[in-house]
Amino acid sequence: GLHAEINLDRVLAEAEGANLVRGLTALPANKLNASAYRELLGELARQNGWEFEWLDEPALAKLGAGAFLAVAQGNASRDAGIARLRYRPAGIARQPDLALVGKGIIFDTGGTNTKSAKYMLDMHLDMSGSAVSLAVLQALTALRSPLSIDCWLAITENRSGPAAYKQRDVITASNGVTIEVMHTDAEGRMVLADTLALAGREKPRLMIDYATL
């Protein structure tokens, strides 16, 4: 018969990563809000030996991350942020070989360009990109990858509060590029603009982003 070698370590790492994604995406937005997500990331960082940094809204303002903050400003809570997780083999600090970037929109109403109920129903899944990025980092850590890896997660809601951003607003991103808002349901591009720019400052050899766009 046919025989094929199976790398059980890889199979297990992939299965655990898939289960992490399934578990996170099953959570409704009132259970996985930005604060809860931040707590979870801190716990995973402790378990896996990652460095963990949470760039909150004041920190992002200092970095000029206007695109991310424009999306976050419509939220009721000021708990949005960009998470950075760092994996370094044998604890060696060096320029990242790989940057994983994930869109983590916990719930997407569409903003002031509000979605209809039909299209808003499963918008707790709009954070799937961040879950996949996190799972890839976890799997590569479990496999003791020789790569230095950064994982950046843009975590916020896209709501329609009194301060929400609007069509024709002109926003400046962290790399100095200005963005004219044509539709507030393009929030994924907004938060990724800053997150990709910040990840790029570290000059990774390869950058991969995951997003529901």
Protein backbone atom coordinates (compact mmCIF):
# COMPACT_ATOMS: atom_id res chain seq x y z
CA GLY A 1 0.00 0.00 0.00
CA LEU A 2 0.88 3.65 -0.04
CA HIS A 3 2.93 4.98 2.83
CA ALA A 4 3.52 8.59 3.78
CA GLU A 5 5.47 9.99 6.66
CA ILE A 6 3.38 12.10 9.01
CA ASN A 7 4.91 14.85 11.09
CA LEU A 8 2.77 14.49 14.19
CA ASP A 9 4.19 17.64 15.79
CA ARG A 10 3.08 19.67 12.79
CA VAL A 11 -0.33 17.98 12.69
CA LEU A 12 -0.86 18.75 16.37
CA ALA A 13 0.29 22.36 16.01
CA GLU A 14 -2.02 22.90 13.05
CA ALA A 15 -4.97 21.29 14.86
CA GLU A 16 -4.43 23.37 17.99
CA GLY A 17 -4.18 26.49 15.84
CA ALA A 18 -7.41 25.63 14.06
CA ASN A 19 -9.14 25.05 17.40
CA LEU A 20 -7.91 28.43 18.65
CA VAL A 21 -9.47 30.13 15.62
CA ARG A 22 -12.72 28.21 16.02
CA GLY A 23 -12.93 29.06 19.70
CA LEU A 24 -12.28 32.78 19.24
CA THR A 25 -14.62 33.21 16.29
CA ALA A 26 -17.42 31.44 18.14
CA LEU A 27 -17.44 34.11 20.85
CA PRO A 28 -20.01 36.91 20.57
CA ALA A 29 -18.84 40.50 20.84
CA ASN A 30 -20.12 40.94 24.39
CA LYS A 31 -17.84 38.09 25.51
CA LEU A 32 -14.78 38.96 23.39
CA ASN A 33 -14.58 42.73 23.71
CA ALA A 34 -11.25 44.54 23.39
CA SER A 35 -10.49 44.27 27.11
CA ALA A 36 -11.22 40.53 27.17
CA TYR A 37 -9.13 40.02 24.03
CA ARG A 38 -6.25 41.90 25.62
CA GLU A 39 -6.45 39.68 28.71
CA LEU A 40 -6.49 36.54 26.58
CA LEU A 41 -3.45 37.71 24.61
CA GLY A 42 -1.58 38.38 27.83
CA GLU A 43 -2.31 34.87 29.07
CA LEU A 44 -1.26 33.28 25.75
CA ALA A 45 1.92 35.35 25.82
CA ARG A 46 2.77 34.03 29.29
CA GLN A 47 2.09 30.44 28.23
CA ASN A 48 4.16 30.68 25.05
CA GLY A 49 7.00 32.93 26.20
CA TRP A 50 6.11 35.79 23.86
CA GLU A 51 6.80 39.43 24.53
CA PHE A 52 3.49 41.29 24.65
CA GLU A 53 2.84 44.98 24.10
CA TRP A 54 -0.56 46.69 23.97
CA LEU A 55 -0.65 50.04 22.20
CA ASP A 56 -3.72 51.74 23.64
CA GLU A 57 -5.43 54.78 22.17
CA PRO A 58 -3.17 57.40 23.83
CA ALA A 59 -0.08 55.48 22.68
CA LEU A 60 -1.47 55.24 19.14
CA ALA A 61 -2.21 58.95 19.14
CA LYS A 62 1.48 59.60 19.90
CA LEU A 63 2.38 57.37 16.97
CA GLY A 64 0.05 59.32 14.68
CA ALA A 65 -2.16 56.29 13.99
CA GLY A 66 -5.10 58.39 12.85
CA ALA A 67 -6.63 55.75 10.59
CA PHE A 68 -7.03 53.20 13.39
CA LEU A 69 -8.22 55.85 15.83
CA ALA A 70 -10.81 57.17 13.39
CA VAL A 71 -12.51 53.78 13.45
CA ALA A 72 -12.19 53.41 17.22
CA GLN A 73 -13.57 56.87 18.04
CA GLY A 74 -17.17 55.74 17.51
CA ASN A 75 -16.94 53.12 20.26
CA ALA A 76 -18.61 53.51 23.64
CA SER A 77 -15.46 52.28 25.45
CA ARG A 78 -11.92 53.52 25.09
CA ASP A 79 -10.38 50.05 25.19
CA ALA A 80 -9.33 49.57 21.56
CA GLY A 81 -5.70 48.98 20.72
CA ILE A 82 -3.07 47.33 18.57
CA ALA A 83 -1.40 44.27 20.09
CA ARG A 84 2.16 43.31 19.30
CA LEU A 85 3.40 39.82 20.17
CA ARG A 86 7.06 38.92 19.64
CA TYR A 87 8.53 35.43 19.29
CA ARG A 88 12.30 35.12 19.26
CA PRO A 89 14.04 31.73 19.04
CA ALA A 90 16.21 31.10 22.10
CA GLY A 91 15.29 34.59 23.29
CA ILE A 92 17.50 36.25 20.66
CA ALA A 93 16.33 39.80 19.93
CA ARG A 94 16.72 40.61 16.27
CA GLN A 95 14.94 42.12 13.30
CA PRO A 96 11.82 40.06 12.52
CA ASP A 97 11.98 37.58 9.67
CA LEU A 98 8.18 37.49 9.53
CA ALA A 99 5.42 39.89 10.51
CA LEU A 100 1.88 38.54 10.83
CA VAL A 101 -0.82 41.23 10.74
CA GLY A 102 -4.46 40.51 11.58
CA LYS A 103 -7.66 42.50 11.37
CA GLY A 104 -9.48 42.23 14.70
CA ILE A 105 -12.77 44.09 14.25
CA ILE A 106 -14.68 42.61 17.18
CA PHE A 107 -18.01 43.76 15.79
CA ASP A 108 -18.72 45.72 12.63
CA THR A 109 -21.93 47.73 12.40
CA GLY A 110 -20.65 49.48 9.29
CA GLY A 111 -20.25 52.72 11.25
CA THR A 112 -22.30 55.70 10.10
CA ASN A 113 -22.87 53.80 6.83
CA THR A 114 -24.74 51.22 8.88
CA LYS A 115 -25.25 47.70 7.60
CA SER A 116 -28.72 46.19 7.37
CA ALA A 117 -29.61 43.46 9.88
CA LYS A 118 -29.00 40.75 7.28
CA TYR A 119 -25.40 41.81 6.75
CA MET A 120 -24.68 42.68 10.38
CA LEU A 121 -25.79 39.34 11.82
CA ASP A 122 -22.42 37.56 11.90
CA MET A 123 -20.15 40.56 12.20
CA HIS A 124 -18.57 39.15 15.37
CA LEU A 125 -16.60 37.14 12.79
CA ASP A 126 -14.91 40.29 11.50
CA MET A 127 -12.02 39.55 13.87
CA SER A 128 -11.22 36.28 12.12
CA GLY A 129 -8.03 37.65 10.57
CA SER A 130 -6.58 38.40 14.00
CA ALA A 131 -7.49 34.89 15.19
CA VAL A 132 -5.72 33.32 12.20
CA SER A 133 -2.61 35.47 12.74
CA LEU A 134 -2.53 34.46 16.38
CA ALA A 135 -2.98 30.79 15.53
CA VAL A 136 -0.12 30.87 13.01
CA LEU A 137 2.14 32.42 15.65
CA GLN A 138 1.08 29.76 18.16
CA ALA A 139 1.71 26.92 15.70
CA LEU A 140 5.15 28.23 14.69
CA THR A 141 6.06 28.66 18.36
CA ALA A 142 5.00 25.08 19.13
CA LEU A 143 7.17 23.87 16.25
CA ARG A 144 10.15 25.87 17.58
CA SER A 145 10.47 27.82 14.36
CA PRO A 146 13.93 29.32 13.80
CA LEU A 147 12.27 32.51 12.51
CA SER A 148 11.95 35.71 14.50
CA ILE A 149 8.25 36.59 14.32
CA ASP A 150 6.17 39.65 15.15
CA CYS A 151 2.39 39.40 15.30
CA TRP A 152 0.33 42.61 15.10
CA LEU A 153 -3.41 42.58 15.82
CA ALA A 154 -5.68 45.59 15.21
CA ILE A 155 -8.44 45.24 17.81
CA THR A 156 -11.48 47.51 17.90
CA GLU A 157 -15.15 47.70 17.08
CA ASN A 158 -16.64 49.75 14.24
CA ARG A 159 -19.59 51.48 15.87
CA SER A 160 -21.75 54.51 15.13
CA GLY A 161 -21.47 56.53 18.35
CA PRO A 162 -21.72 60.34 18.43
CA ALA A 163 -18.01 60.74 17.67
CA ALA A 164 -17.92 58.16 14.84
CA TYR A 165 -15.97 59.05 11.73
CA LYS A 166 -17.93 60.09 8.65
CA GLN A 167 -17.84 60.13 4.87
CA ARG A 168 -15.50 62.77 3.44
CA ASP A 169 -13.47 62.96 6.67
CA VAL A 170 -9.78 63.31 5.86
CA ILE A 171 -7.56 61.20 8.10
CA THR A 172 -3.77 61.04 8.41
CA ALA A 173 -2.26 57.58 8.94
CA SER A 174 0.91 56.82 10.90
CA ASN A 175 3.05 56.90 7.74
CA GLY A 176 1.84 60.41 6.90
CA VAL A 177 -0.48 59.35 4.09
CA THR A 178 -3.87 61.08 4.08
CA ILE A 179 -7.07 59.11 3.52
CA GLU A 180 -10.41 60.56 2.42
CA VAL A 181 -13.20 58.42 3.83
CA MET A 182 -15.72 57.45 1.16
CA HIS A 183 -17.51 54.75 3.15
CA THR A 184 -17.21 53.94 6.86
CA ASP A 185 -17.70 50.22 6.25
CA ALA A 186 -14.16 50.14 4.84
CA GLU A 187 -12.90 50.14 8.43
CA GLY A 188 -10.71 47.09 7.86
CA ARG A 189 -8.57 48.98 5.38
CA MET A 190 -8.36 51.86 7.85
CA VAL A 191 -7.12 49.85 10.83
CA LEU A 192 -4.78 47.79 8.64
CA ALA A 193 -3.27 50.93 7.10
CA ASP A 194 -1.79 51.88 10.46
CA THR A 195 -1.06 48.36 11.63
CA LEU A 196 0.83 47.46 8.45
CA ALA A 197 2.71 50.76 8.61
CA LEU A 198 3.75 50.15 12.22
CA ALA A 199 4.77 46.56 11.47
CA GLY A 200 6.76 47.79 8.49
CA ARG A 201 8.85 50.11 10.66
CA GLU A 202 10.56 47.00 12.04
CA LYS A 203 11.60 46.05 8.48
CA PRO A 204 10.54 42.38 8.47
CA ARG A 205 11.77 40.26 5.59
CA LEU A 206 8.18 39.14 4.89
CA MET A 207 4.84 40.54 5.98
CA ILE A 208 1.52 38.64 5.70
CA ASP A 209 -1.86 40.09 6.60
CA TYR A 210 -5.09 38.24 7.30
CA ALA A 211 -8.41 40.05 7.05
CA THR A 212 -12.08 39.74 6.20
CA LEU A 213 -12.44 42.50 3.60
